[in-house]
Amino acid sequence: MVVAVGGDGTLNEVVNGFFRNGAPLPTSSKLAMVPLGTGGDFRRTLRIPIDPKQAIEILRSGMVRRLDAGCVTYQSADGATGVRHFINIADAGLGGEVVHIVGNGTKRFGSATYTLAGLRALIGFKNKPMTVNIDGATHELPKAQQVVVANCQFFGGGMQMAPSASPTDGVFDVILIKNAGKIETMRGMNDIRSGKHLDQTNPKMELMYGKRVSITSPAKVRIDLDGEAVGFLPALFEIQPGAIEFITPR
């Protein structure tokens, strides 16, 4: 058993230890998590207790489930091609800017760190043109705020961006957030936090599903994986069904 003790960033580092050159390593090891960190988003989908003692009890009494992982090929800061995995959520655009700000600041405010960074990023952010290809179907977004590629439901310190996402269904939930303005984004934050933003008819948000998602842009667009800033577009996201055995609550 391999136990990640920390937040989503720590878990992401441990997850990447289960892969090499984009493929799962042969192993009988199971992965588990004791949450201690800033965002605590991955644990919410699987209902892993935030209390360390209760989370440790899951190591003994929980069940093993095979979870999907995402493999991402992207452009790193030095222009080279990078390959990493994620287990929770990846996104391009505004979310990447938020994570960049968080990574270069302090996390002493806990989950509120992401809210504060989000406001700061939103003020200076300009929507970017993006081309999104999902399982062969191309979507041209002349101005997009962000594209979210979700394996699980929560990001940004408790925002339920992908309320229907499941890490066991073999597909990504892909949310296209089009030319949303700053004021309407701020007004919609509570709906996103509660997962109600996709219940409404909103022409600037579209939910799709896919196993292979490519995103390109002529602009410089940051991406993040599990709340970790890794690089820029272009990026290719591919689902790897059942790639990791994870100990979860029953």
Protein backbone atom coordinates (compact mmCIF):
# COMPACT_ATOMS: atom_id res chain seq x y z
CA MET A 1 0.00 0.00 0.00
CA VAL A 2 1.20 3.51 -0.88
CA VAL A 3 -0.38 6.29 1.18
CA ALA A 4 -0.33 9.92 0.03
CA VAL A 5 -0.42 12.11 3.14
CA GLY A 6 -1.17 15.66 2.05
CA GLY A 7 -3.29 17.60 -0.39
CA ASP A 8 -4.15 17.24 -4.06
CA GLY A 9 -0.66 18.28 -5.14
CA THR A 10 0.94 15.59 -3.01
CA LEU A 11 -1.50 13.02 -4.38
CA ASN A 12 -0.68 14.09 -7.93
CA GLU A 13 3.02 13.51 -7.33
CA VAL A 14 2.33 10.05 -5.91
CA VAL A 15 -0.04 9.19 -8.77
CA ASN A 16 2.68 10.04 -11.28
CA GLY A 17 4.94 7.54 -9.54
CA PHE A 18 2.59 4.81 -10.77
CA PHE A 19 3.34 5.64 -14.42
CA ARG A 20 6.33 5.82 -16.74
CA ASN A 21 6.43 7.19 -20.29
CA GLY A 22 2.67 7.61 -20.25
CA ALA A 23 1.87 4.00 -19.30
CA PRO A 24 1.01 2.35 -15.95
CA LEU A 25 3.87 0.56 -14.24
CA PRO A 26 3.24 -3.12 -13.42
CA THR A 27 2.54 -3.16 -9.69
CA SER A 28 0.36 -4.82 -7.08
CA SER A 29 0.47 -1.73 -4.85
CA LYS A 30 -2.73 0.01 -3.90
CA LEU A 31 -2.95 3.78 -3.46
CA ALA A 32 -4.67 5.51 -0.55
CA MET A 33 -4.92 9.05 0.81
CA VAL A 34 -4.88 10.77 4.18
CA PRO A 35 -5.94 14.35 3.33
CA LEU A 36 -3.83 17.21 4.66
CA GLY A 37 -3.59 20.20 2.35
CA THR A 38 -5.00 23.40 0.88
CA GLY A 39 -7.71 22.43 -1.59
CA GLY A 40 -8.77 18.95 -0.51
CA ASP A 41 -10.81 18.48 -3.67
CA PHE A 42 -10.13 14.91 -4.80
CA ARG A 43 -11.25 13.43 -1.48
CA ARG A 44 -14.69 15.06 -1.81
CA THR A 45 -15.76 12.93 -4.78
CA LEU A 46 -14.78 9.69 -3.03
CA ARG A 47 -16.01 10.94 0.37
CA ILE A 48 -12.69 10.32 2.07
CA PRO A 49 -12.99 11.88 5.56
CA ILE A 50 -11.03 15.07 6.15
CA ASP A 51 -10.33 13.98 9.74
CA PRO A 52 -6.95 12.18 9.66
CA LYS A 53 -7.99 9.51 12.19
CA GLN A 54 -11.10 8.64 10.20
CA ALA A 55 -9.11 8.64 6.96
CA ILE A 56 -6.55 6.27 8.48
CA GLU A 57 -9.39 3.95 9.50
CA ILE A 58 -10.37 3.75 5.80
CA LEU A 59 -6.96 2.19 5.13
CA ARG A 60 -8.09 -0.76 7.25
CA SER A 61 -11.80 -0.95 6.55
CA GLY A 62 -12.12 0.45 3.03
CA MET A 63 -12.49 -1.29 -0.31
CA VAL A 64 -10.27 -1.37 -3.39
CA ARG A 65 -11.67 0.28 -6.52
CA ARG A 66 -10.06 0.74 -9.90
CA LEU A 67 -10.00 4.45 -10.76
CA ASP A 68 -9.43 6.10 -14.10
CA ALA A 69 -6.48 8.42 -14.64
CA GLY A 70 -5.82 11.08 -17.24
CA CYS A 71 -2.61 11.16 -19.28
CA VAL A 72 -1.66 14.62 -20.57
CA THR A 73 0.86 15.62 -23.21
CA TYR A 74 1.55 19.36 -23.04
CA GLN A 75 4.07 22.12 -23.64
CA SER A 76 6.29 22.80 -20.63
CA ALA A 77 7.60 26.25 -19.70
CA ASP A 78 10.85 25.70 -21.60
CA GLY A 79 9.01 24.71 -24.77
CA ALA A 80 9.71 20.99 -24.45
CA THR A 81 6.99 18.34 -24.54
CA GLY A 82 5.91 17.09 -21.13
CA VAL A 83 3.85 14.05 -20.15
CA ARG A 84 2.09 13.78 -16.79
CA HIS A 85 -0.96 12.14 -15.25
CA PHE A 86 -3.82 13.50 -13.19
CA ILE A 87 -6.54 11.85 -11.16
CA ASN A 88 -8.89 14.72 -10.29
CA ILE A 89 -9.35 17.66 -12.69
CA ALA A 90 -7.29 19.42 -15.35
CA ASP A 91 -8.12 22.70 -17.01
CA ALA A 92 -6.86 25.32 -19.43
CA GLY A 93 -7.42 29.06 -19.21
CA LEU A 94 -8.59 30.93 -16.14
CA GLY A 95 -8.09 27.94 -13.84
CA GLY A 96 -4.48 27.65 -14.96
CA GLU A 97 -3.93 31.30 -14.06
CA VAL A 98 -5.50 30.78 -10.63
CA VAL A 99 -3.19 27.85 -9.90
CA HIS A 100 -0.19 29.85 -11.10
CA ILE A 101 -1.06 32.62 -8.62
CA VAL A 102 -1.60 30.13 -5.78
CA GLY A 103 1.73 28.48 -6.51
CA ASN A 104 3.55 31.79 -6.32
CA GLY A 105 1.87 32.98 -3.14
CA THR A 106 0.89 31.77 0.30
CA LYS A 107 -1.59 29.02 1.20
CA ARG A 108 -2.12 30.11 4.79
CA PHE A 109 -5.79 30.89 4.12
CA GLY A 110 -6.64 27.23 3.39
CA SER A 111 -9.36 26.65 0.81
CA ALA A 112 -10.06 30.41 0.75
CA THR A 113 -6.67 30.72 -0.93
CA TYR A 114 -8.28 29.61 -4.19
CA THR A 115 -11.16 32.07 -3.88
CA LEU A 116 -8.78 34.98 -3.34
CA ALA A 117 -6.50 33.84 -6.16
CA GLY A 118 -9.54 33.38 -8.40
CA LEU A 119 -10.64 36.97 -7.90
CA ARG A 120 -7.14 38.23 -8.57
CA ALA A 121 -6.79 36.13 -11.72
CA LEU A 122 -10.24 37.09 -13.00
CA ILE A 123 -9.50 40.81 -12.79
CA GLY A 124 -6.55 40.57 -15.15
CA PHE A 125 -7.67 37.67 -17.34
CA LYS A 126 -8.70 38.04 -20.98
CA ASN A 127 -10.63 35.24 -22.65
CA LYS A 128 -8.60 33.39 -25.28
CA PRO A 129 -9.39 31.65 -28.58
CA MET A 130 -9.28 27.88 -28.20
CA THR A 131 -9.92 24.92 -30.46
CA VAL A 132 -11.19 21.85 -28.63
CA ASN A 133 -11.39 18.42 -30.26
CA ILE A 134 -13.36 15.79 -28.33
CA ASP A 135 -13.21 12.26 -29.74
CA GLY A 136 -12.83 13.62 -33.27
CA ALA A 137 -15.44 16.40 -33.08
CA THR A 138 -13.97 19.91 -33.27
CA HIS A 139 -15.37 22.89 -31.36
CA GLU A 140 -14.08 26.37 -32.22
CA LEU A 141 -14.25 28.82 -29.32
CA PRO A 142 -13.37 32.34 -30.57
CA LYS A 143 -13.18 33.50 -26.96
CA ALA A 144 -13.09 31.00 -24.10
CA GLN A 145 -12.63 31.54 -20.39
CA GLN A 146 -11.56 27.98 -19.69
CA VAL A 147 -11.94 24.36 -20.68
CA VAL A 148 -12.23 21.85 -17.84
CA VAL A 149 -11.33 18.17 -18.31
CA ALA A 150 -12.74 16.37 -15.29
CA ASN A 151 -12.19 12.88 -13.93
CA CYS A 152 -13.74 13.84 -10.57
CA GLN A 153 -16.16 16.54 -9.44
CA PHE A 154 -14.43 19.24 -7.38
CA PHE A 155 -11.63 21.76 -7.84
CA GLY A 156 -10.56 25.18 -6.56
CA GLY A 157 -11.15 24.46 -2.89
CA GLY A 158 -14.63 22.94 -3.04
CA MET A 159 -16.08 24.18 -6.33
CA GLN A 160 -18.27 21.40 -7.77
CA MET A 161 -17.39 22.15 -11.38
CA ALA A 162 -18.26 18.68 -12.75
CA PRO A 163 -21.16 17.37 -10.61
CA SER A 164 -21.75 14.26 -12.74
CA ALA A 165 -18.10 13.22 -13.15
CA SER A 166 -17.06 9.76 -11.96
CA PRO A 167 -13.52 8.34 -11.79
CA THR A 168 -14.88 4.89 -12.68
CA ASP A 169 -16.90 5.56 -15.86
CA GLY A 170 -14.05 5.56 -18.39
CA VAL A 171 -14.75 9.04 -19.79
CA PHE A 172 -13.95 12.67 -19.02
CA ASP A 173 -16.60 15.26 -18.31
CA VAL A 174 -15.53 18.21 -20.47
CA ILE A 175 -16.94 21.64 -19.63
CA LEU A 176 -16.54 24.39 -22.20
CA ILE A 177 -16.81 27.81 -20.58
CA LYS A 178 -17.13 30.24 -23.43
CA ASN A 179 -16.97 34.05 -23.53
CA ALA A 180 -18.11 34.61 -19.94
CA GLY A 181 -17.60 38.10 -18.53
CA LYS A 182 -16.06 39.03 -15.20
CA ILE A 183 -19.28 40.17 -13.51
CA GLU A 184 -21.35 37.18 -14.60
CA THR A 185 -18.53 34.86 -13.52
CA MET A 186 -18.54 36.38 -10.04
CA ARG A 187 -22.33 36.15 -9.87
CA GLY A 188 -22.21 32.48 -10.85
CA MET A 189 -19.63 31.39 -8.27
CA ASN A 190 -22.22 30.14 -5.77
CA ASP A 191 -23.91 28.03 -8.46
CA ILE A 192 -20.56 26.44 -9.33
CA ARG A 193 -19.75 25.83 -5.67
CA SER A 194 -23.03 23.93 -5.25
CA GLY A 195 -22.87 22.19 -8.64
CA LYS A 196 -25.99 23.91 -9.99
CA HIS A 197 -24.36 25.83 -12.85
CA LEU A 198 -25.06 23.07 -15.40
CA ASP A 199 -28.71 22.67 -14.34
CA GLN A 200 -29.61 25.93 -16.03
CA THR A 201 -29.77 26.82 -19.70
CA ASN A 202 -26.54 28.74 -20.03
CA PRO A 203 -25.28 29.35 -23.59
CA LYS A 204 -21.80 30.10 -22.23
CA MET A 205 -21.35 26.69 -20.57
CA GLU A 206 -21.53 23.36 -22.33
CA LEU A 207 -21.02 19.88 -20.86
CA MET A 208 -19.65 17.16 -23.11
CA TYR A 209 -18.08 13.73 -22.66
CA GLY A 210 -15.04 12.15 -24.23
CA LYS A 211 -12.05 9.87 -23.91
CA ARG A 212 -9.59 11.93 -25.95
CA VAL A 213 -9.51 15.72 -25.75
CA SER A 214 -7.07 18.03 -27.49
CA ILE A 215 -6.93 21.79 -26.85
CA THR A 216 -4.95 24.27 -28.90
CA SER A 217 -4.69 28.05 -28.99
CA PRO A 218 -2.65 30.69 -30.82
CA ALA A 219 -2.39 32.47 -27.46
CA LYS A 220 -0.31 31.50 -24.45
CA VAL A 221 -2.75 29.56 -22.25
CA ARG A 222 -1.75 28.00 -18.93
CA ILE A 223 -2.92 24.54 -17.89
CA ASP A 224 -3.00 22.84 -14.51
CA LEU A 225 -3.36 19.23 -13.41
CA ASP A 226 -4.87 18.49 -9.99
CA GLY A 227 -4.14 22.08 -8.95
CA GLU A 228 -0.50 21.97 -10.06
CA ALA A 229 0.79 24.38 -12.71
CA VAL A 230 2.66 22.33 -15.32
CA GLY A 231 2.80 24.33 -18.54
CA PHE A 232 0.81 25.55 -21.52
CA LEU A 233 -1.30 24.56 -24.50
CA PRO A 234 -1.29 22.72 -26.83
CA ALA A 235 -2.32 19.75 -24.73
CA LEU A 236 -3.76 16.29 -25.33
CA PHE A 237 -5.78 14.60 -22.57
CA GLU A 238 -6.41 10.85 -22.76
CA ILE A 239 -8.36 8.70 -20.31
CA GLN A 240 -6.75 5.52 -18.97
CA PRO A 241 -9.65 3.49 -17.56
CA GLY A 242 -9.08 1.63 -14.29
CA ALA A 243 -5.39 2.55 -14.26
CA ILE A 244 -4.99 2.80 -10.47
CA GLU A 245 -6.21 0.62 -7.61
CA PHE A 246 -7.34 2.99 -4.86
CA ILE A 247 -8.58 2.29 -1.33
CA THR A 248 -11.86 4.13 -0.79
CA PRO A 249 -14.65 4.17 1.81
CA ARG A 250 -17.16 1.38 1.40
